[in-house]
N, C-alpha and C. Protein backbone atom coordinates (compact mmCIF):
# COMPACT_ATOMS: atom_id res chain seq x y z
N MET A 1 19.72 -12.73 58.58
CA MET A 1 18.74 -13.77 58.75
C MET A 1 18.46 -14.44 57.40
N VAL A 2 18.23 -13.64 56.39
CA VAL A 2 17.93 -14.16 55.06
C VAL A 2 19.14 -14.90 54.49
N ILE A 3 20.33 -14.35 54.71
CA ILE A 3 21.56 -15.01 54.24
C ILE A 3 21.65 -16.41 54.83
N ASN A 4 21.44 -16.51 56.14
CA ASN A 4 21.55 -17.81 56.81
C ASN A 4 20.47 -18.79 56.38
N LEU A 5 19.26 -18.32 56.18
CA LEU A 5 18.20 -19.21 55.74
C LEU A 5 18.49 -19.76 54.34
N ALA A 6 18.93 -18.89 53.45
CA ALA A 6 19.27 -19.34 52.09
C ALA A 6 20.45 -20.31 52.11
N MET A 7 21.44 -20.01 52.95
CA MET A 7 22.61 -20.89 53.03
C MET A 7 22.24 -22.23 53.66
N PHE A 8 21.30 -22.24 54.62
CA PHE A 8 20.86 -23.52 55.18
C PHE A 8 20.32 -24.41 54.08
N LEU A 9 19.41 -23.87 53.25
CA LEU A 9 18.80 -24.67 52.20
C LEU A 9 19.84 -25.21 51.23
N ALA A 10 20.74 -24.34 50.78
CA ALA A 10 21.76 -24.75 49.81
C ALA A 10 22.75 -25.73 50.43
N GLU A 11 23.22 -25.43 51.61
CA GLU A 11 24.27 -26.25 52.22
C GLU A 11 23.72 -27.59 52.71
N PHE A 12 22.49 -27.62 53.21
CA PHE A 12 21.92 -28.89 53.66
C PHE A 12 21.74 -29.84 52.48
N CYS A 13 21.20 -29.32 51.38
CA CYS A 13 21.03 -30.15 50.18
C CYS A 13 22.39 -30.66 49.69
N ALA A 14 23.38 -29.78 49.69
CA ALA A 14 24.72 -30.20 49.27
C ALA A 14 25.29 -31.24 50.23
N GLY A 15 25.04 -31.08 51.53
CA GLY A 15 25.51 -32.05 52.51
C GLY A 15 24.89 -33.42 52.32
N VAL A 16 23.59 -33.45 51.99
CA VAL A 16 22.92 -34.72 51.74
C VAL A 16 23.49 -35.38 50.49
N VAL A 17 23.64 -34.59 49.41
CA VAL A 17 24.18 -35.13 48.16
C VAL A 17 25.63 -35.59 48.36
N ALA A 18 26.42 -34.80 49.09
CA ALA A 18 27.83 -35.13 49.30
C ALA A 18 28.01 -36.24 50.33
N GLY A 19 27.01 -36.46 51.18
CA GLY A 19 27.15 -37.43 52.26
C GLY A 19 28.10 -36.95 53.33
N SER A 20 28.10 -35.64 53.59
CA SER A 20 29.05 -35.03 54.52
C SER A 20 28.41 -34.65 55.84
N SER A 21 28.90 -35.25 56.92
CA SER A 21 28.44 -34.90 58.27
C SER A 21 28.80 -33.45 58.60
N ALA A 22 30.00 -33.05 58.25
CA ALA A 22 30.46 -31.70 58.57
C ALA A 22 29.61 -30.66 57.84
N LEU A 23 29.32 -30.89 56.57
CA LEU A 23 28.54 -29.94 55.78
C LEU A 23 27.10 -29.87 56.28
N MET A 24 26.51 -31.02 56.61
CA MET A 24 25.14 -31.00 57.14
C MET A 24 25.11 -30.34 58.52
N ALA A 25 26.11 -30.60 59.35
CA ALA A 25 26.17 -29.96 60.67
C ALA A 25 26.25 -28.46 60.52
N ASP A 26 27.07 -28.01 59.60
CA ASP A 26 27.21 -26.58 59.39
C ASP A 26 25.92 -25.98 58.84
N SER A 27 25.22 -26.71 57.98
CA SER A 27 23.98 -26.19 57.41
C SER A 27 22.89 -26.06 58.47
N VAL A 28 22.80 -27.04 59.35
CA VAL A 28 21.80 -26.98 60.41
C VAL A 28 22.09 -25.79 61.32
N ASP A 29 23.36 -25.52 61.51
CA ASP A 29 23.73 -24.34 62.28
C ASP A 29 23.27 -23.07 61.59
N MET A 30 23.30 -23.06 60.26
CA MET A 30 22.79 -21.90 59.51
C MET A 30 21.30 -21.67 59.80
N LEU A 31 20.54 -22.75 59.86
CA LEU A 31 19.12 -22.64 60.19
C LEU A 31 18.96 -22.08 61.60
N GLY A 32 19.76 -22.59 62.51
CA GLY A 32 19.73 -22.08 63.88
C GLY A 32 20.05 -20.61 63.93
N ASP A 33 21.00 -20.19 63.12
CA ASP A 33 21.36 -18.77 63.10
C ASP A 33 20.22 -17.91 62.56
N ALA A 34 19.52 -18.40 61.56
CA ALA A 34 18.37 -17.64 61.05
C ALA A 34 17.35 -17.46 62.16
N VAL A 35 17.10 -18.51 62.93
CA VAL A 35 16.17 -18.43 64.06
C VAL A 35 16.73 -17.49 65.13
N VAL A 36 18.03 -17.60 65.39
CA VAL A 36 18.68 -16.74 66.39
C VAL A 36 18.56 -15.27 65.99
N TYR A 37 18.79 -14.97 64.73
CA TYR A 37 18.68 -13.58 64.29
C TYR A 37 17.25 -13.08 64.43
N ALA A 38 16.28 -13.93 64.10
CA ALA A 38 14.88 -13.53 64.26
C ALA A 38 14.57 -13.26 65.73
N LEU A 39 15.03 -14.12 66.62
CA LEU A 39 14.83 -13.91 68.05
C LEU A 39 15.49 -12.61 68.52
N SER A 40 16.71 -12.40 68.06
CA SER A 40 17.44 -11.20 68.45
C SER A 40 16.74 -9.93 68.01
N LEU A 41 16.25 -9.94 66.79
CA LEU A 41 15.52 -8.77 66.28
C LEU A 41 14.23 -8.55 67.07
N TYR A 42 13.54 -9.64 67.39
CA TYR A 42 12.30 -9.52 68.15
C TYR A 42 12.57 -8.97 69.55
N ALA A 43 13.63 -9.43 70.18
CA ALA A 43 13.91 -9.02 71.57
C ALA A 43 14.55 -7.64 71.66
N LEU A 44 15.09 -7.17 70.55
CA LEU A 44 15.79 -5.89 70.55
C LEU A 44 14.88 -4.77 71.06
N HIS A 45 15.36 -4.04 72.02
CA HIS A 45 14.67 -2.89 72.61
C HIS A 45 13.38 -3.26 73.36
N ARG A 46 13.24 -4.52 73.74
CA ARG A 46 12.08 -4.93 74.54
C ARG A 46 12.43 -5.04 76.01
N GLY A 47 13.67 -4.76 76.34
CA GLY A 47 14.07 -4.81 77.73
C GLY A 47 14.99 -5.97 78.03
N ALA A 48 15.62 -5.89 79.19
CA ALA A 48 16.63 -6.86 79.60
C ALA A 48 16.06 -8.27 79.73
N ARG A 49 14.84 -8.38 80.21
CA ARG A 49 14.25 -9.71 80.39
C ARG A 49 14.01 -10.39 79.04
N TRP A 50 13.50 -9.67 78.06
CA TRP A 50 13.31 -10.22 76.72
C TRP A 50 14.64 -10.60 76.09
N GLU A 51 15.62 -9.72 76.23
CA GLU A 51 16.94 -9.99 75.64
C GLU A 51 17.57 -11.23 76.25
N ALA A 52 17.48 -11.36 77.58
CA ALA A 52 18.03 -12.54 78.24
C ALA A 52 17.23 -13.79 77.86
N GLY A 53 15.92 -13.66 77.74
CA GLY A 53 15.09 -14.79 77.31
C GLY A 53 15.45 -15.25 75.91
N ALA A 54 15.70 -14.31 75.02
CA ALA A 54 16.12 -14.66 73.66
C ALA A 54 17.46 -15.38 73.69
N ALA A 55 18.36 -14.92 74.54
CA ALA A 55 19.66 -15.57 74.66
C ALA A 55 19.51 -16.99 75.21
N ILE A 56 18.60 -17.19 76.17
CA ILE A 56 18.35 -18.54 76.69
C ILE A 56 17.82 -19.44 75.58
N ALA A 57 16.90 -18.93 74.78
CA ALA A 57 16.37 -19.71 73.66
C ALA A 57 17.50 -20.07 72.70
N LYS A 58 18.38 -19.13 72.42
CA LYS A 58 19.51 -19.39 71.53
C LYS A 58 20.42 -20.46 72.10
N GLY A 59 20.68 -20.38 73.41
CA GLY A 59 21.51 -21.40 74.06
C GLY A 59 20.88 -22.77 73.93
N GLY A 60 19.56 -22.85 74.09
CA GLY A 60 18.86 -24.12 73.93
C GLY A 60 18.94 -24.65 72.51
N ILE A 61 18.82 -23.75 71.53
CA ILE A 61 18.92 -24.15 70.13
C ILE A 61 20.32 -24.67 69.83
N ILE A 62 21.32 -23.97 70.31
CA ILE A 62 22.70 -24.41 70.09
C ILE A 62 22.92 -25.78 70.72
N LEU A 63 22.39 -25.97 71.93
CA LEU A 63 22.52 -27.25 72.62
C LEU A 63 21.86 -28.37 71.81
N MET A 64 20.66 -28.12 71.30
CA MET A 64 19.97 -29.13 70.47
C MET A 64 20.79 -29.48 69.24
N PHE A 65 21.40 -28.49 68.60
CA PHE A 65 22.20 -28.77 67.42
C PHE A 65 23.44 -29.58 67.77
N GLY A 66 24.05 -29.28 68.90
CA GLY A 66 25.22 -30.06 69.33
C GLY A 66 24.87 -31.52 69.54
N VAL A 67 23.74 -31.77 70.17
CA VAL A 67 23.29 -33.14 70.40
C VAL A 67 22.92 -33.80 69.07
N ALA A 68 22.20 -33.09 68.19
CA ALA A 68 21.79 -33.65 66.90
C ALA A 68 22.99 -34.01 66.03
N VAL A 69 23.99 -33.15 66.00
CA VAL A 69 25.19 -33.44 65.21
C VAL A 69 25.90 -34.66 65.78
N SER A 70 25.96 -34.76 67.10
CA SER A 70 26.60 -35.93 67.74
C SER A 70 25.89 -37.22 67.34
N VAL A 71 24.57 -37.21 67.35
CA VAL A 71 23.79 -38.39 66.97
C VAL A 71 24.03 -38.72 65.50
N GLN A 72 24.08 -37.71 64.65
CA GLN A 72 24.30 -37.93 63.23
C GLN A 72 25.69 -38.52 62.98
N ILE A 73 26.68 -38.11 63.75
CA ILE A 73 28.04 -38.64 63.60
C ILE A 73 28.07 -40.12 63.98
N VAL A 74 27.40 -40.46 65.07
CA VAL A 74 27.34 -41.86 65.47
C VAL A 74 26.71 -42.70 64.37
N ASP A 75 25.65 -42.18 63.76
CA ASP A 75 25.02 -42.88 62.65
C ASP A 75 25.98 -43.05 61.48
N LYS A 76 26.74 -41.99 61.17
CA LYS A 76 27.69 -42.05 60.05
C LYS A 76 28.81 -43.04 60.33
N ILE A 77 29.24 -43.14 61.59
CA ILE A 77 30.28 -44.11 61.94
C ILE A 77 29.76 -45.52 61.66
N ALA A 78 28.52 -45.76 62.00
CA ALA A 78 27.93 -47.08 61.80
C ALA A 78 27.64 -47.38 60.33
N ASN A 79 27.23 -46.37 59.57
CA ASN A 79 26.73 -46.62 58.21
C ASN A 79 27.40 -45.79 57.12
N GLY A 80 28.38 -44.96 57.45
CA GLY A 80 28.87 -43.95 56.51
C GLY A 80 29.86 -44.42 55.47
N VAL A 81 29.95 -43.61 54.43
CA VAL A 81 30.95 -43.75 53.38
C VAL A 81 31.62 -42.39 53.23
N PRO A 82 32.79 -42.34 52.63
CA PRO A 82 33.46 -41.04 52.48
C PRO A 82 32.59 -40.04 51.71
N PRO A 83 32.53 -38.79 52.18
CA PRO A 83 31.73 -37.77 51.50
C PRO A 83 32.43 -37.23 50.26
N SER A 84 31.70 -36.46 49.48
CA SER A 84 32.25 -35.80 48.29
C SER A 84 33.02 -34.56 48.72
N SER A 85 34.34 -34.63 48.62
CA SER A 85 35.17 -33.51 49.06
C SER A 85 34.98 -32.28 48.18
N SER A 86 34.68 -32.47 46.90
CA SER A 86 34.51 -31.30 46.03
C SER A 86 33.27 -30.51 46.40
N LEU A 87 32.17 -31.19 46.71
CA LEU A 87 30.97 -30.48 47.16
C LEU A 87 31.21 -29.81 48.51
N MET A 88 31.94 -30.50 49.37
CA MET A 88 32.26 -29.91 50.68
C MET A 88 33.05 -28.61 50.50
N LEU A 89 34.02 -28.62 49.58
CA LEU A 89 34.85 -27.43 49.34
C LEU A 89 34.01 -26.28 48.78
N VAL A 90 33.19 -26.56 47.79
CA VAL A 90 32.40 -25.50 47.16
C VAL A 90 31.43 -24.88 48.16
N PHE A 91 30.61 -25.72 48.80
CA PHE A 91 29.59 -25.18 49.70
C PHE A 91 30.16 -24.71 51.02
N GLY A 92 31.24 -25.32 51.46
CA GLY A 92 31.93 -24.82 52.66
C GLY A 92 32.50 -23.44 52.42
N GLY A 93 33.04 -23.21 51.22
CA GLY A 93 33.58 -21.90 50.87
C GLY A 93 32.49 -20.84 50.75
N ILE A 94 31.38 -21.19 50.13
CA ILE A 94 30.26 -20.25 50.02
C ILE A 94 29.73 -19.91 51.41
N ALA A 95 29.59 -20.93 52.26
CA ALA A 95 29.09 -20.70 53.63
C ALA A 95 30.06 -19.83 54.42
N LEU A 96 31.36 -20.02 54.23
CA LEU A 96 32.34 -19.19 54.92
C LEU A 96 32.19 -17.73 54.51
N ALA A 97 32.03 -17.48 53.22
CA ALA A 97 31.86 -16.10 52.75
C ALA A 97 30.59 -15.49 53.35
N ALA A 98 29.50 -16.25 53.38
CA ALA A 98 28.24 -15.76 53.94
C ALA A 98 28.40 -15.44 55.43
N ASN A 99 29.04 -16.35 56.16
CA ASN A 99 29.20 -16.14 57.60
C ASN A 99 30.17 -15.02 57.93
N LEU A 100 31.20 -14.84 57.13
CA LEU A 100 32.09 -13.70 57.34
C LEU A 100 31.34 -12.38 57.14
N GLY A 101 30.45 -12.36 56.16
CA GLY A 101 29.61 -11.18 55.95
C GLY A 101 28.71 -10.91 57.15
N CYS A 102 28.08 -11.95 57.68
CA CYS A 102 27.23 -11.78 58.87
C CYS A 102 28.05 -11.34 60.07
N LEU A 103 29.22 -11.93 60.24
CA LEU A 103 30.08 -11.56 61.37
C LEU A 103 30.50 -10.10 61.27
N ALA A 104 30.80 -9.64 60.07
CA ALA A 104 31.17 -8.24 59.88
C ALA A 104 30.01 -7.31 60.24
N LEU A 105 28.79 -7.70 59.88
CA LEU A 105 27.62 -6.89 60.21
C LEU A 105 27.38 -6.81 61.72
N LEU A 106 27.70 -7.88 62.43
CA LEU A 106 27.45 -7.95 63.87
C LEU A 106 28.60 -7.42 64.73
N TRP A 107 29.76 -7.21 64.14
CA TRP A 107 30.98 -6.89 64.90
C TRP A 107 30.77 -5.74 65.89
N ARG A 108 30.18 -4.66 65.46
CA ARG A 108 30.07 -3.49 66.34
C ARG A 108 29.05 -3.69 67.46
N PHE A 109 28.21 -4.72 67.39
CA PHE A 109 27.20 -4.98 68.42
C PHE A 109 27.60 -6.11 69.38
N ARG A 110 28.79 -6.65 69.22
CA ARG A 110 29.17 -7.87 69.93
C ARG A 110 29.19 -7.75 71.45
N ARG A 111 29.31 -6.55 71.97
CA ARG A 111 29.35 -6.37 73.43
C ARG A 111 28.20 -5.49 73.93
N GLU A 112 27.19 -5.28 73.11
CA GLU A 112 26.10 -4.37 73.46
C GLU A 112 25.27 -4.88 74.64
N ASN A 113 24.88 -6.16 74.61
CA ASN A 113 24.11 -6.75 75.71
C ASN A 113 24.15 -8.27 75.55
N VAL A 114 23.51 -9.00 76.47
CA VAL A 114 23.56 -10.45 76.45
C VAL A 114 22.93 -11.01 75.17
N ASN A 115 21.92 -10.36 74.64
CA ASN A 115 21.27 -10.78 73.42
C ASN A 115 22.23 -10.68 72.24
N MET A 116 22.83 -9.53 72.05
CA MET A 116 23.73 -9.33 70.92
C MET A 116 25.04 -10.11 71.08
N SER A 117 25.49 -10.25 72.31
CA SER A 117 26.69 -11.04 72.57
C SER A 117 26.48 -12.49 72.18
N SER A 118 25.31 -13.05 72.51
CA SER A 118 25.03 -14.44 72.15
C SER A 118 24.87 -14.58 70.63
N THR A 119 24.31 -13.59 69.99
CA THR A 119 24.16 -13.62 68.54
C THR A 119 25.53 -13.59 67.86
N PHE A 120 26.41 -12.73 68.37
CA PHE A 120 27.76 -12.66 67.81
C PHE A 120 28.49 -13.99 68.01
N GLU A 121 28.32 -14.60 69.19
CA GLU A 121 28.98 -15.88 69.45
C GLU A 121 28.52 -16.95 68.47
N CYS A 122 27.24 -16.95 68.15
CA CYS A 122 26.72 -17.91 67.17
C CYS A 122 27.41 -17.70 65.81
N SER A 123 27.56 -16.47 65.39
CA SER A 123 28.18 -16.19 64.10
C SER A 123 29.67 -16.51 64.10
N ARG A 124 30.32 -16.26 65.21
CA ARG A 124 31.74 -16.59 65.31
C ARG A 124 31.92 -18.11 65.22
N ASN A 125 31.04 -18.86 65.86
CA ASN A 125 31.09 -20.32 65.77
C ASN A 125 30.92 -20.79 64.33
N ASP A 126 30.08 -20.09 63.59
CA ASP A 126 29.84 -20.46 62.20
C ASP A 126 31.11 -20.35 61.37
N VAL A 127 31.84 -19.28 61.56
CA VAL A 127 33.08 -19.10 60.81
C VAL A 127 34.05 -20.24 61.14
N ALA A 128 34.16 -20.58 62.42
CA ALA A 128 35.03 -21.69 62.83
C ALA A 128 34.56 -23.00 62.20
N SER A 129 33.25 -23.22 62.18
CA SER A 129 32.70 -24.44 61.57
C SER A 129 33.02 -24.49 60.08
N ASN A 130 32.88 -23.36 59.40
CA ASN A 130 33.17 -23.32 57.96
C ASN A 130 34.63 -23.65 57.67
N VAL A 131 35.52 -23.09 58.46
CA VAL A 131 36.94 -23.40 58.29
C VAL A 131 37.17 -24.90 58.51
N GLY A 132 36.49 -25.46 59.52
CA GLY A 132 36.59 -26.89 59.78
C GLY A 132 36.10 -27.73 58.61
N VAL A 133 35.00 -27.32 58.00
CA VAL A 133 34.47 -28.05 56.84
C VAL A 133 35.49 -28.03 55.70
N LEU A 134 36.11 -26.88 55.49
CA LEU A 134 37.11 -26.78 54.42
C LEU A 134 38.33 -27.66 54.71
N ILE A 135 38.76 -27.68 55.96
CA ILE A 135 39.88 -28.55 56.34
C ILE A 135 39.50 -30.01 56.14
N ALA A 136 38.29 -30.37 56.58
CA ALA A 136 37.82 -31.75 56.41
C ALA A 136 37.77 -32.12 54.93
N ALA A 137 37.28 -31.20 54.10
CA ALA A 137 37.20 -31.48 52.67
C ALA A 137 38.58 -31.76 52.08
N GLY A 138 39.55 -30.96 52.49
CA GLY A 138 40.92 -31.19 52.01
C GLY A 138 41.47 -32.52 52.47
N LEU A 139 41.20 -32.88 53.72
CA LEU A 139 41.70 -34.15 54.25
C LEU A 139 40.96 -35.34 53.63
N VAL A 140 39.66 -35.20 53.37
CA VAL A 140 38.91 -36.27 52.70
C VAL A 140 39.46 -36.45 51.28
N ALA A 141 39.71 -35.34 50.59
CA ALA A 141 40.24 -35.42 49.22
C ALA A 141 41.60 -36.09 49.19
N SER A 142 42.46 -35.76 50.15
CA SER A 142 43.81 -36.32 50.13
C SER A 142 43.88 -37.75 50.65
N SER A 143 42.97 -38.12 51.55
CA SER A 143 43.03 -39.46 52.14
C SER A 143 42.03 -40.44 51.54
N GLY A 144 40.93 -39.93 50.98
CA GLY A 144 39.88 -40.80 50.47
C GLY A 144 39.08 -41.47 51.57
N ALA A 145 39.27 -41.03 52.80
CA ALA A 145 38.60 -41.64 53.95
C ALA A 145 37.53 -40.71 54.52
N ALA A 146 36.62 -41.29 55.29
CA ALA A 146 35.53 -40.51 55.90
C ALA A 146 35.94 -39.89 57.23
N TRP A 147 37.00 -40.37 57.87
CA TRP A 147 37.33 -39.93 59.23
C TRP A 147 37.52 -38.42 59.35
N PRO A 148 38.12 -37.70 58.37
CA PRO A 148 38.25 -36.25 58.58
C PRO A 148 36.89 -35.55 58.69
N ASP A 149 35.93 -35.99 57.90
CA ASP A 149 34.58 -35.42 57.95
C ASP A 149 33.95 -35.68 59.32
N LEU A 150 34.08 -36.91 59.79
CA LEU A 150 33.52 -37.27 61.09
C LEU A 150 34.22 -36.52 62.22
N MET A 151 35.53 -36.39 62.12
CA MET A 151 36.29 -35.69 63.15
C MET A 151 35.88 -34.21 63.21
N VAL A 152 35.79 -33.56 62.07
CA VAL A 152 35.40 -32.16 62.05
C VAL A 152 33.95 -32.01 62.50
N GLY A 153 33.08 -32.91 62.08
CA GLY A 153 31.70 -32.90 62.57
C GLY A 153 31.68 -33.00 64.09
N GLY A 154 32.54 -33.85 64.65
CA GLY A 154 32.64 -33.98 66.11
C GLY A 154 33.12 -32.72 66.78
N VAL A 155 34.12 -32.08 66.18
CA VAL A 155 34.62 -30.82 66.73
C VAL A 155 33.52 -29.75 66.68
N ILE A 156 32.79 -29.70 65.57
CA ILE A 156 31.68 -28.74 65.46
C ILE A 156 30.65 -29.01 66.56
N ALA A 157 30.34 -30.28 66.80
CA ALA A 157 29.40 -30.62 67.87
C ALA A 157 29.92 -30.14 69.22
N LEU A 158 31.21 -30.33 69.48
CA LEU A 158 31.80 -29.87 70.74
C LEU A 158 31.76 -28.34 70.85
N VAL A 159 32.00 -27.65 69.73
CA VAL A 159 31.92 -26.18 69.74
C VAL A 159 30.49 -25.75 70.06
N PHE A 160 29.51 -26.43 69.47
CA PHE A 160 28.11 -26.12 69.77
C PHE A 160 27.83 -26.30 71.26
N LEU A 161 28.25 -27.44 71.80
CA LEU A 161 27.97 -27.74 73.21
C LEU A 161 28.66 -26.74 74.13
N ARG A 162 29.90 -26.38 73.83
CA ARG A 162 30.62 -25.38 74.63
C ARG A 162 29.94 -24.02 74.54
N SER A 163 29.54 -23.66 73.34
CA SER A 163 28.88 -22.38 73.13
C SER A 163 27.55 -22.33 73.85
N ALA A 164 26.80 -23.43 73.81
CA ALA A 164 25.52 -23.48 74.52
C ALA A 164 25.74 -23.26 76.01
N TRP A 165 26.75 -23.89 76.55
CA TRP A 165 27.08 -23.72 77.97
C TRP A 165 27.39 -22.26 78.28
N ARG A 166 28.23 -21.65 77.45
CA ARG A 166 28.62 -20.24 77.69
C ARG A 166 27.43 -19.30 77.58
N VAL A 167 26.62 -19.48 76.56
CA VAL A 167 25.46 -18.60 76.37
C VAL A 167 24.48 -18.77 77.53
N LEU A 168 24.18 -20.01 77.89
CA LEU A 168 23.24 -20.25 78.98
C LEU A 168 23.78 -19.77 80.32
N ALA A 169 25.09 -19.95 80.54
CA ALA A 169 25.69 -19.51 81.80
C ALA A 169 25.62 -17.99 81.95
N GLN A 170 25.62 -17.26 80.86
CA GLN A 170 25.50 -15.81 80.90
C GLN A 170 24.04 -15.36 80.89
N ALA A 171 23.20 -16.05 80.13
CA ALA A 171 21.83 -15.60 79.94
C ALA A 171 20.90 -15.92 81.11
N VAL A 172 21.05 -17.08 81.71
CA VAL A 172 20.15 -17.45 82.81
C VAL A 172 20.26 -16.47 83.98
N PRO A 173 21.47 -16.15 84.46
CA PRO A 173 21.54 -15.15 85.53
C PRO A 173 21.02 -13.77 85.11
N ALA A 174 21.24 -13.40 83.85
CA ALA A 174 20.73 -12.10 83.37
C ALA A 174 19.20 -12.11 83.36
N TRP A 175 18.62 -13.23 82.98
CA TRP A 175 17.15 -13.34 82.97
C TRP A 175 16.60 -13.27 84.39
N ARG A 176 17.26 -13.98 85.30
CA ARG A 176 16.81 -13.95 86.70
C ARG A 176 16.92 -12.54 87.29
N ALA A 177 18.00 -11.86 86.98
CA ALA A 177 18.22 -10.52 87.51
C ALA A 177 17.23 -9.51 86.94
N ALA A 178 16.70 -9.81 85.77
CA ALA A 178 15.79 -8.87 85.12
C ALA A 178 14.32 -9.16 85.43
N ARG A 179 14.05 -10.04 86.36
CA ARG A 179 12.66 -10.34 86.72
C ARG A 179 11.92 -9.09 87.14
N PRO A 180 10.71 -8.98 86.67
CA PRO A 180 9.93 -7.82 87.09
C PRO A 180 9.55 -7.96 88.57
N VAL A 181 9.55 -6.86 89.26
CA VAL A 181 9.18 -6.85 90.67
C VAL A 181 7.67 -6.71 90.75
N LEU A 182 7.04 -7.65 91.43
CA LEU A 182 5.59 -7.59 91.58
C LEU A 182 5.23 -6.62 92.67
N PRO A 183 4.18 -5.85 92.46
CA PRO A 183 3.78 -4.87 93.49
C PRO A 183 3.25 -5.60 94.73
N GLU A 184 3.51 -5.02 95.86
CA GLU A 184 3.02 -5.59 97.10
C GLU A 184 1.51 -5.37 97.18
N THR A 185 0.85 -6.35 97.74
CA THR A 185 -0.60 -6.23 97.93
C THR A 185 -0.87 -6.02 99.40
N SER A 186 -1.85 -5.24 99.70
CA SER A 186 -2.21 -5.04 101.10
C SER A 186 -3.53 -5.73 101.37
N TYR A 187 -3.62 -6.25 102.54
CA TYR A 187 -4.83 -6.98 102.91
C TYR A 187 -5.61 -6.21 103.89
């Protein structure tokens, strides 16, 4: 959680300075992950309903980020200039190292329950996003154009939207199944 919060601050600032959609998208995902980890820790051992509820919240957060990144890309298409590929490379590499560390910590819990499964999926998406940022940085550096950054930002948005669908499709039925049974009342 702390790793992701610190990386959000560093990577978002670098994304703003670099003018990179991909870097800012990845940084916002870091913030989401910090929130996701906090939710996961809170729901841990509180029962199936809490765990499924936390997973639903995570799915909603991922969905919001997918939509926000999409809106930001549209804005960049209308008003953007090529981002700084060197800043993208440096901060994308640092973020990749941070996310690989988080993924390693979560690996053994990835199939424990719907809560931990959704948390692992968020971290796995982060690693994919980081690799995308690095690829975009290389393509921006070699082409001098903004399109690789926008394309990778778009792919990250699609990954978010797909992940939100998967998490919600698993969590909503789990939440419904875990509803507490109300005692019957006699009249």
